[in-house]
Amino acid sequence: MAEQPGAGRPYVPPRDYDHRDVEHVLAVRRWEGWEEFLEWLRAEGINDPELSPDVFGRLRQDAERACARGAAFSHDPRQLYQELRRP
């Protein structure tokens, strides 16, 4: 029986986003707020080569949640990261 493709590759666990990923997305353009930020994530973010599918999915989910709860949008990557990670 033939070996399965990728069988010899080491397991790479899914990666969550961090403030560097938030910094990257903030550098794409000057966002006016959550709506514009989310519009880009929904339409173009999935194609950004700097964001893995794991990072993209978690970032988008947290951005949707932050917007829904009325969180303040910040252009500072560390502040925005903290807001995104807030439950």
Protein backbone atom coordinates (compact mmCIF):
# COMPACT_ATOMS: atom_id res chain seq x y z
CA MET A 1 0.00 0.00 0.00
CA ALA A 2 1.30 3.45 -0.91
CA GLU A 3 2.13 5.94 1.81
CA GLN A 4 -0.35 8.80 2.20
CA PRO A 5 0.79 12.18 0.83
CA GLY A 6 2.27 14.29 3.60
CA ALA A 7 2.63 11.30 5.93
CA GLY A 8 6.29 12.12 6.61
CA ARG A 9 5.66 15.75 7.50
CA PRO A 10 5.84 16.84 11.12
CA TYR A 11 2.59 17.99 12.74
CA VAL A 12 2.29 21.78 12.89
CA PRO A 13 -0.33 22.89 15.40
CA PRO A 14 -2.76 25.66 14.44
CA ARG A 15 -1.41 29.11 15.27
CA ASP A 16 -3.44 31.83 16.91
CA TYR A 17 -2.89 35.45 15.94
CA ASP A 18 -0.81 37.87 17.97
CA HIS A 19 -0.14 41.62 18.01
CA ARG A 20 2.20 41.28 14.99
CA ASP A 21 -0.68 39.93 12.89
CA VAL A 22 -2.87 42.80 14.05
CA GLU A 23 -0.05 45.22 13.18
CA HIS A 24 0.14 43.71 9.69
CA VAL A 25 -3.60 44.16 9.06
CA LEU A 26 -3.53 47.71 10.42
CA ALA A 27 -0.73 48.50 7.94
CA VAL A 28 -2.87 47.47 4.95
CA ARG A 29 -4.63 50.85 5.02
CA ARG A 30 -5.93 53.50 7.40
CA TRP A 31 -9.15 51.95 8.73
CA GLU A 32 -12.05 54.21 9.64
CA GLY A 33 -13.41 51.71 12.16
CA TRP A 34 -14.77 48.21 12.66
CA GLU A 35 -17.08 48.20 9.65
CA GLU A 36 -14.31 48.97 7.17
CA PHE A 37 -11.91 46.61 8.96
CA LEU A 38 -14.47 43.79 8.86
CA GLU A 39 -15.41 44.50 5.25
CA TRP A 40 -11.77 43.96 4.26
CA LEU A 41 -11.51 40.80 6.36
CA ARG A 42 -14.68 39.39 4.78
CA ALA A 43 -13.78 40.27 1.18
CA GLU A 44 -9.99 40.40 0.84
CA GLY A 45 -8.40 39.23 4.08
CA ILE A 46 -8.69 35.54 3.25
CA ASN A 47 -6.35 36.12 0.29
CA ASP A 48 -3.67 37.94 2.29
CA PRO A 49 -0.53 35.78 2.02
CA GLU A 50 0.69 36.97 5.43
CA LEU A 51 -2.33 35.49 7.25
CA SER A 52 -2.61 31.72 7.58
CA PRO A 53 -6.15 30.28 7.52
CA ASP A 54 -5.94 29.65 11.29
CA VAL A 55 -4.82 33.20 12.04
CA PHE A 56 -7.33 34.71 9.62
CA GLY A 57 -10.29 32.76 11.03
CA ARG A 58 -9.59 33.62 14.64
CA LEU A 59 -8.85 37.26 13.88
CA ARG A 60 -12.07 37.68 11.91
CA GLN A 61 -14.14 35.94 14.57
CA ASP A 62 -12.74 38.14 17.33
CA ALA A 63 -13.19 41.28 15.21
CA GLU A 64 -16.85 40.39 14.59
CA ARG A 65 -17.35 39.89 18.33
CA ALA A 66 -15.55 43.14 19.26
CA CYS A 67 -17.66 45.11 16.79
CA ALA A 68 -20.89 43.53 18.04
CA ARG A 69 -20.15 44.48 21.65
CA GLY A 70 -19.33 48.07 20.67
CA ALA A 71 -15.62 47.95 21.48
CA ALA A 72 -13.53 51.01 20.68
CA PHE A 73 -11.48 50.67 17.49
CA SER A 74 -7.81 51.59 17.88
CA HIS A 75 -5.03 52.16 15.36
CA ASP A 76 -2.49 51.02 17.95
CA PRO A 77 -1.74 47.31 17.31
CA ARG A 78 -1.29 46.41 20.97
CA GLN A 79 -4.47 48.18 22.07
CA LEU A 80 -6.47 46.69 19.23
CA TYR A 81 -5.05 43.25 20.02
CA GLN A 82 -6.16 43.60 23.66
CA GLU A 83 -9.62 44.68 22.53
CA LEU A 84 -9.87 41.74 20.13
CA ARG A 85 -8.87 39.26 22.84
CA ARG A 86 -11.32 40.62 25.40
CA PRO A 87 -14.17 38.14 26.04
